[in-house]
Amino acid sequence: MKHRAELIPRMSDITRQRSTAQWVTLLETRAVPCGPINNIADAYADPHVRFRQIRVEQQRFANAEEASKHAQTANLVTTAASPLRLSDTPTTLRHAPPVLGQHTDEVLSGNLGLDAQALDALKSKGVI
């Protein structure tokens, strides 16, 4: 930490002299554990991720009515599948991640027993 202000710029200059792949190869030949820091596109493009079919596209909305309520949001969303592969109990993705408020009415009416009038009152007060 004492020489951080000097060390970081020097390291940045040196690491910019080679590509990530070149650094990984060089460090691996010297038994230095390392790997790239991937963005999402790089992670999904990785051969292992592609082979394991980790990238999954799911529909967010079950029907056109639900999709019209959230017209500003894309219906198709890319998510990551579970990396677990269990032969007797395979994992499944049942639903895409919801948008903010997508299931509010369901949860409050089904789980808490609120009726339509109570939901409308909460909405008019800006609570939900």
Protein backbone atom coordinates (compact mmCIF):
# COMPACT_ATOMS: atom_id res chain seq x y z
CA MET A 1 0.00 0.00 0.00
CA LYS A 2 2.91 2.30 0.69
CA HIS A 3 3.87 2.58 -3.01
CA ARG A 4 0.42 2.04 -4.53
CA ALA A 5 0.26 5.45 -6.22
CA GLU A 6 3.46 4.64 -8.09
CA LEU A 7 2.85 0.93 -8.61
CA ILE A 8 -0.63 1.00 -10.19
CA PRO A 9 0.27 3.31 -13.13
CA ARG A 10 3.40 1.28 -13.85
CA MET A 11 1.48 -2.00 -13.77
CA SER A 12 -1.21 -0.51 -16.03
CA ASP A 13 1.42 0.54 -18.57
CA ILE A 14 3.00 -2.92 -18.56
CA THR A 15 -0.24 -4.91 -18.76
CA ARG A 16 -1.42 -2.87 -21.76
CA GLN A 17 1.57 -4.14 -23.76
CA ARG A 18 -0.04 -7.56 -24.35
CA SER A 19 -3.53 -8.90 -24.90
CA THR A 20 -5.41 -10.71 -22.16
CA ALA A 21 -4.90 -14.02 -23.97
CA GLN A 22 -1.15 -13.38 -24.21
CA TRP A 23 -0.91 -12.62 -20.48
CA VAL A 24 -2.91 -15.71 -19.55
CA THR A 25 -0.67 -17.90 -21.72
CA LEU A 26 2.50 -16.34 -20.33
CA LEU A 27 1.41 -16.62 -16.70
CA GLU A 28 0.11 -20.18 -17.09
CA THR A 29 3.49 -21.33 -18.46
CA ARG A 30 4.98 -20.06 -15.19
CA ALA A 31 2.34 -21.83 -13.04
CA VAL A 32 0.68 -18.57 -12.01
CA PRO A 33 -3.04 -19.17 -11.41
CA CYS A 34 -4.89 -16.66 -13.56
CA GLY A 35 -7.78 -16.08 -15.87
CA PRO A 36 -9.42 -13.27 -17.77
CA ILE A 37 -12.00 -10.96 -16.26
CA ASN A 38 -14.87 -11.40 -18.69
CA ASN A 39 -17.76 -9.13 -19.48
CA ILE A 40 -21.10 -10.86 -20.00
CA ALA A 41 -20.65 -11.24 -23.77
CA ASP A 42 -17.19 -12.80 -23.27
CA ALA A 43 -18.51 -15.15 -20.59
CA TYR A 44 -21.33 -16.41 -22.81
CA ALA A 45 -18.92 -16.80 -25.75
CA ASP A 46 -16.59 -19.03 -23.72
CA PRO A 47 -16.40 -22.51 -25.33
CA HIS A 48 -17.06 -24.27 -22.03
CA VAL A 49 -20.12 -22.13 -21.31
CA ARG A 50 -21.42 -22.76 -24.84
CA PHE A 51 -20.82 -26.51 -24.58
CA ARG A 52 -22.64 -26.66 -21.22
CA GLN A 53 -25.52 -24.59 -22.67
CA ILE A 54 -25.43 -22.11 -19.79
CA ARG A 55 -26.91 -19.24 -21.83
CA VAL A 56 -30.70 -19.51 -21.86
CA GLU A 57 -33.27 -17.18 -23.39
CA GLN A 58 -36.60 -17.03 -21.60
CA GLN A 59 -39.85 -15.22 -22.17
CA ARG A 60 -40.79 -12.90 -19.32
CA PHE A 61 -44.48 -12.59 -20.02
CA ALA A 62 -46.89 -15.49 -20.37
CA ASN A 63 -49.31 -13.70 -22.69
CA ALA A 64 -49.88 -10.57 -24.77
CA GLU A 65 -51.96 -8.88 -22.05
CA GLU A 66 -49.15 -9.19 -19.52
CA ALA A 67 -46.59 -8.04 -22.09
CA SER A 68 -48.69 -4.94 -22.91
CA LYS A 69 -48.65 -3.91 -19.21
CA HIS A 70 -44.86 -3.78 -19.41
CA ALA A 71 -44.47 -2.50 -22.96
CA GLN A 72 -41.18 -0.73 -22.12
CA THR A 73 -39.53 -4.03 -21.13
CA ALA A 74 -38.15 -6.67 -23.46
CA ASN A 75 -40.10 -9.92 -23.35
CA LEU A 76 -37.09 -12.07 -24.17
CA VAL A 77 -34.40 -12.09 -21.48
CA THR A 78 -31.05 -13.89 -21.43
CA THR A 79 -30.29 -15.72 -18.21
CA ALA A 80 -27.82 -18.28 -16.95
CA ALA A 81 -28.92 -21.87 -16.52
CA SER A 82 -27.89 -23.82 -13.49
CA PRO A 83 -24.42 -25.30 -13.95
CA LEU A 84 -25.59 -28.40 -12.10
CA ARG A 85 -26.31 -31.41 -14.26
CA LEU A 86 -28.03 -34.06 -12.15
CA SER A 87 -29.22 -37.17 -14.00
CA ASP A 88 -31.98 -38.15 -11.56
CA THR A 89 -33.17 -34.66 -10.64
CA PRO A 90 -32.40 -32.24 -13.48
CA THR A 91 -32.73 -28.55 -12.76
CA THR A 92 -35.27 -26.48 -14.66
CA LEU A 93 -35.84 -22.77 -15.14
CA ARG A 94 -39.57 -22.24 -14.75
CA HIS A 95 -39.73 -18.47 -15.10
CA ALA A 96 -37.61 -15.59 -16.29
CA PRO A 97 -36.80 -12.91 -13.71
CA PRO A 98 -39.84 -10.66 -13.30
CA VAL A 99 -39.91 -6.94 -13.96
CA LEU A 100 -40.53 -4.63 -11.04
CA GLY A 101 -44.14 -5.04 -9.92
CA GLN A 102 -44.96 -7.83 -12.36
CA HIS A 103 -46.38 -10.15 -9.67
CA THR A 104 -47.39 -7.63 -7.02
CA ASP A 105 -51.14 -8.17 -7.41
CA GLU A 106 -50.75 -11.96 -7.41
CA VAL A 107 -48.62 -11.96 -4.28
CA LEU A 108 -50.77 -9.53 -2.32
CA SER A 109 -54.09 -11.09 -3.29
CA GLY A 110 -53.01 -14.73 -3.21
CA ASN A 111 -50.58 -14.77 -0.30
CA LEU A 112 -52.03 -11.97 1.82
CA GLY A 113 -55.67 -12.24 0.77
CA LEU A 114 -56.13 -8.62 -0.31
CA ASP A 115 -59.11 -8.04 -2.59
CA ALA A 116 -59.23 -5.78 -5.66
CA GLN A 117 -60.57 -2.84 -3.60
CA ALA A 118 -57.67 -3.08 -1.13
CA LEU A 119 -55.17 -3.29 -3.99
CA ASP A 120 -56.72 -0.23 -5.67
CA ALA A 121 -56.50 1.69 -2.38
CA LEU A 122 -52.80 0.84 -2.01
CA LYS A 123 -52.18 1.86 -5.63
CA SER A 124 -53.99 5.20 -5.25
CA LYS A 125 -51.86 6.01 -2.18
CA GLY A 126 -48.68 5.14 -4.09
CA VAL A 127 -47.84 2.27 -1.75
CA ILE A 128 -47.67 -0.17 -4.64
